[in-house]
């Protein structure tokens, strides 16, 4: 599984950062198009549990299956 982020939808609320059990989510240091510092996911630490997807009020996260042949 892989978690991707739509950075332009992020409003920097921090709910995902707070709820991530692996602390795999952090803020970027570059503003998005709306003037917020969006989040980023550390793929090495992420276990794709879906907590970010569940807690995000803005639908920033997408959890998908790995592409065939892709190694996490």
N, C-alpha and C. Protein backbone atom coordinates (compact mmCIF):
# COMPACT_ATOMS: atom_id res chain seq x y z
N UNK A 1 0.84 -1.18 0.00
CA UNK A 1 0.00 0.00 0.00
C UNK A 1 0.89 1.25 0.00
N UNK A 2 0.34 2.31 -0.58
CA UNK A 2 1.08 3.57 -0.66
C UNK A 2 0.12 4.72 -0.37
N UNK A 3 0.60 5.70 0.36
CA UNK A 3 -0.18 6.89 0.68
C UNK A 3 0.40 8.06 -0.10
N UNK A 4 -0.47 8.76 -0.84
CA UNK A 4 -0.05 9.96 -1.56
C UNK A 4 -0.83 11.15 -1.03
N UNK A 5 -0.28 12.34 -1.24
CA UNK A 5 -0.85 13.57 -0.70
C UNK A 5 -1.15 14.55 -1.82
N UNK A 6 -2.36 15.12 -1.81
CA UNK A 6 -2.71 16.22 -2.70
C UNK A 6 -2.36 17.50 -1.94
N UNK A 7 -1.17 17.99 -2.15
CA UNK A 7 -0.64 19.10 -1.34
C UNK A 7 -1.43 20.39 -1.48
N UNK A 8 -2.07 20.61 -2.62
CA UNK A 8 -2.83 21.85 -2.80
C UNK A 8 -4.13 21.86 -2.00
N UNK A 9 -4.60 20.70 -1.56
CA UNK A 9 -5.83 20.64 -0.76
C UNK A 9 -5.56 20.79 0.73
N UNK A 10 -4.31 20.61 1.15
CA UNK A 10 -3.96 20.63 2.57
C UNK A 10 -4.10 22.03 3.14
N UNK A 11 -4.74 22.12 4.33
CA UNK A 11 -4.93 23.40 5.01
C UNK A 11 -4.15 23.47 6.32
N UNK A 12 -3.18 22.56 6.48
CA UNK A 12 -2.25 22.63 7.61
C UNK A 12 -2.93 22.49 8.97
N UNK A 13 -3.99 21.70 9.06
CA UNK A 13 -4.70 21.55 10.34
C UNK A 13 -3.93 20.70 11.34
N UNK A 14 -3.11 19.75 10.84
CA UNK A 14 -2.28 18.94 11.72
C UNK A 14 -2.93 17.70 12.29
N UNK A 15 -4.19 17.43 11.95
CA UNK A 15 -4.86 16.24 12.48
C UNK A 15 -4.14 14.96 12.07
N UNK A 16 -3.70 14.89 10.85
CA UNK A 16 -3.01 13.69 10.37
C UNK A 16 -1.70 13.48 11.12
N UNK A 17 -0.98 14.56 11.37
CA UNK A 17 0.29 14.47 12.09
C UNK A 17 0.05 13.93 13.50
N UNK A 18 -0.98 14.43 14.13
CA UNK A 18 -1.31 14.02 15.50
C UNK A 18 -1.74 12.56 15.57
N UNK A 19 -2.48 12.08 14.58
CA UNK A 19 -3.05 10.72 14.63
C UNK A 19 -2.18 9.64 14.01
N UNK A 20 -1.13 9.99 13.32
CA UNK A 20 -0.28 8.97 12.67
C UNK A 20 0.46 8.16 13.74
N UNK A 21 0.22 6.84 13.80
CA UNK A 21 0.87 6.02 14.83
C UNK A 21 2.37 5.85 14.63
N UNK A 22 2.87 6.07 13.44
CA UNK A 22 4.29 5.91 13.14
C UNK A 22 5.03 7.24 13.02
N UNK A 23 4.31 8.35 13.22
CA UNK A 23 4.91 9.69 13.08
C UNK A 23 5.57 9.84 11.71
N UNK A 24 4.88 9.34 10.68
CA UNK A 24 5.40 9.35 9.31
C UNK A 24 5.00 10.59 8.54
N UNK A 25 4.25 11.48 9.16
CA UNK A 25 3.75 12.67 8.47
C UNK A 25 4.35 13.92 9.11
N UNK A 26 4.81 14.83 8.27
CA UNK A 26 5.38 16.09 8.74
C UNK A 26 5.00 17.20 7.77
N UNK A 27 5.20 18.43 8.20
CA UNK A 27 4.91 19.57 7.32
C UNK A 27 6.06 19.80 6.36
N UNK A 28 5.72 20.19 5.14
CA UNK A 28 6.72 20.60 4.15
C UNK A 28 7.23 21.99 4.53
N UNK A 29 8.32 22.40 3.95
CA UNK A 29 8.82 23.75 4.21
C UNK A 29 8.57 24.69 3.03
N UNK A 30 7.67 24.26 2.13
CA UNK A 30 7.30 25.07 0.96
C UNK A 30 5.78 25.26 0.98
N UNK A 31 5.33 26.49 0.79
CA UNK A 31 3.90 26.78 0.77
C UNK A 31 3.21 26.17 -0.44
N UNK A 32 1.93 25.77 -0.25
CA UNK A 32 1.14 25.32 -1.40
C UNK A 32 0.48 26.53 -2.06
N UNK A 33 -0.34 26.29 -3.07
CA UNK A 33 -0.97 27.36 -3.84
C UNK A 33 -1.91 28.23 -3.00
N UNK A 34 -2.37 27.69 -1.86
CA UNK A 34 -3.30 28.43 -1.00
C UNK A 34 -2.63 29.10 0.19
N UNK A 35 -1.30 29.03 0.25
CA UNK A 35 -0.57 29.70 1.32
C UNK A 35 -0.40 28.89 2.59
N UNK A 36 -0.59 27.58 2.52
CA UNK A 36 -0.40 26.70 3.67
C UNK A 36 0.85 25.85 3.48
N UNK A 37 1.41 25.39 4.59
CA UNK A 37 2.50 24.42 4.53
C UNK A 37 1.87 23.03 4.54
N UNK A 38 1.82 22.36 3.40
CA UNK A 38 1.16 21.05 3.34
C UNK A 38 2.01 19.97 4.01
N UNK A 39 1.39 18.83 4.20
CA UNK A 39 2.10 17.71 4.81
C UNK A 39 2.78 16.85 3.76
N UNK A 40 3.71 16.05 4.23
CA UNK A 40 4.39 15.08 3.39
C UNK A 40 4.47 13.77 4.17
N UNK A 41 4.56 12.65 3.46
CA UNK A 41 4.60 11.34 4.08
C UNK A 41 5.99 10.73 3.88
N UNK A 42 6.55 10.23 4.96
CA UNK A 42 7.82 9.50 4.90
C UNK A 42 7.47 8.05 4.52
N UNK A 43 7.73 7.69 3.28
CA UNK A 43 7.36 6.36 2.78
C UNK A 43 8.04 5.23 3.55
N UNK A 44 9.20 5.48 4.10
CA UNK A 44 9.92 4.44 4.85
C UNK A 44 9.23 4.15 6.19
N UNK A 45 8.69 5.17 6.82
CA UNK A 45 8.04 5.01 8.12
C UNK A 45 6.56 4.65 8.01
N UNK A 46 5.93 5.02 6.91
CA UNK A 46 4.49 4.82 6.73
C UNK A 46 4.14 3.33 6.59
N UNK A 47 3.09 2.91 7.31
CA UNK A 47 2.60 1.53 7.21
C UNK A 47 1.25 1.48 6.48
N UNK A 48 0.82 2.59 5.91
CA UNK A 48 -0.43 2.70 5.15
C UNK A 48 -1.62 2.20 5.96
N UNK A 49 -1.70 2.61 7.22
CA UNK A 49 -2.80 2.19 8.09
C UNK A 49 -4.10 2.91 7.77
N UNK A 50 -4.00 4.07 7.13
CA UNK A 50 -5.19 4.82 6.74
C UNK A 50 -5.68 5.83 7.75
N UNK A 51 -5.00 6.00 8.88
CA UNK A 51 -5.45 6.97 9.88
C UNK A 51 -5.45 8.39 9.32
N UNK A 52 -4.49 8.73 8.49
CA UNK A 52 -4.46 10.06 7.89
C UNK A 52 -5.68 10.25 6.99
N UNK A 53 -6.00 9.23 6.22
CA UNK A 53 -7.15 9.27 5.32
C UNK A 53 -8.44 9.47 6.10
N UNK A 54 -8.57 8.76 7.21
CA UNK A 54 -9.78 8.82 8.04
C UNK A 54 -9.92 10.16 8.73
N UNK A 55 -8.83 10.72 9.25
CA UNK A 55 -8.91 11.93 10.06
C UNK A 55 -8.90 13.23 9.27
N UNK A 56 -8.45 13.20 8.03
CA UNK A 56 -8.32 14.43 7.24
C UNK A 56 -9.69 14.96 6.80
N UNK A 57 -10.05 16.18 7.22
CA UNK A 57 -11.34 16.75 6.82
C UNK A 57 -11.37 17.27 5.38
N UNK A 58 -10.20 17.35 4.74
CA UNK A 58 -10.13 17.93 3.41
C UNK A 58 -9.82 16.93 2.30
N UNK A 59 -9.79 15.65 2.61
CA UNK A 59 -9.57 14.63 1.58
C UNK A 59 -8.22 14.74 0.90
N UNK A 60 -7.20 15.03 1.68
CA UNK A 60 -5.86 15.24 1.14
C UNK A 60 -5.18 13.93 0.75
N UNK A 61 -5.51 12.85 1.44
CA UNK A 61 -4.78 11.58 1.29
C UNK A 61 -5.48 10.60 0.37
N UNK A 62 -4.66 9.80 -0.32
CA UNK A 62 -5.14 8.70 -1.16
C UNK A 62 -4.29 7.48 -0.81
N UNK A 63 -4.96 6.40 -0.43
CA UNK A 63 -4.28 5.16 -0.11
C UNK A 63 -4.53 4.20 -1.25
N UNK A 64 -3.46 3.69 -1.85
CA UNK A 64 -3.61 2.80 -3.00
C UNK A 64 -2.69 1.59 -2.87
N UNK A 65 -3.02 0.56 -3.62
CA UNK A 65 -2.19 -0.64 -3.64
C UNK A 65 -0.91 -0.35 -4.41
N UNK A 66 0.15 -1.04 -4.04
CA UNK A 66 1.41 -0.90 -4.78
C UNK A 66 1.22 -1.38 -6.21
N UNK A 67 1.91 -0.76 -7.13
CA UNK A 67 1.91 -1.19 -8.52
C UNK A 67 2.67 -2.51 -8.59
N UNK A 68 2.20 -3.43 -9.42
CA UNK A 68 2.84 -4.73 -9.53
C UNK A 68 4.33 -4.57 -9.80
N UNK A 69 5.13 -5.29 -9.03
CA UNK A 69 6.57 -5.22 -9.18
C UNK A 69 7.22 -4.15 -8.32
N UNK A 70 6.44 -3.26 -7.75
CA UNK A 70 6.98 -2.19 -6.90
C UNK A 70 7.28 -2.77 -5.52
N UNK A 71 8.40 -2.42 -4.97
CA UNK A 71 8.78 -2.88 -3.65
C UNK A 71 8.73 -1.71 -2.70
N UNK A 72 8.10 -1.92 -1.54
CA UNK A 72 8.05 -0.85 -0.55
C UNK A 72 9.14 -1.04 0.45
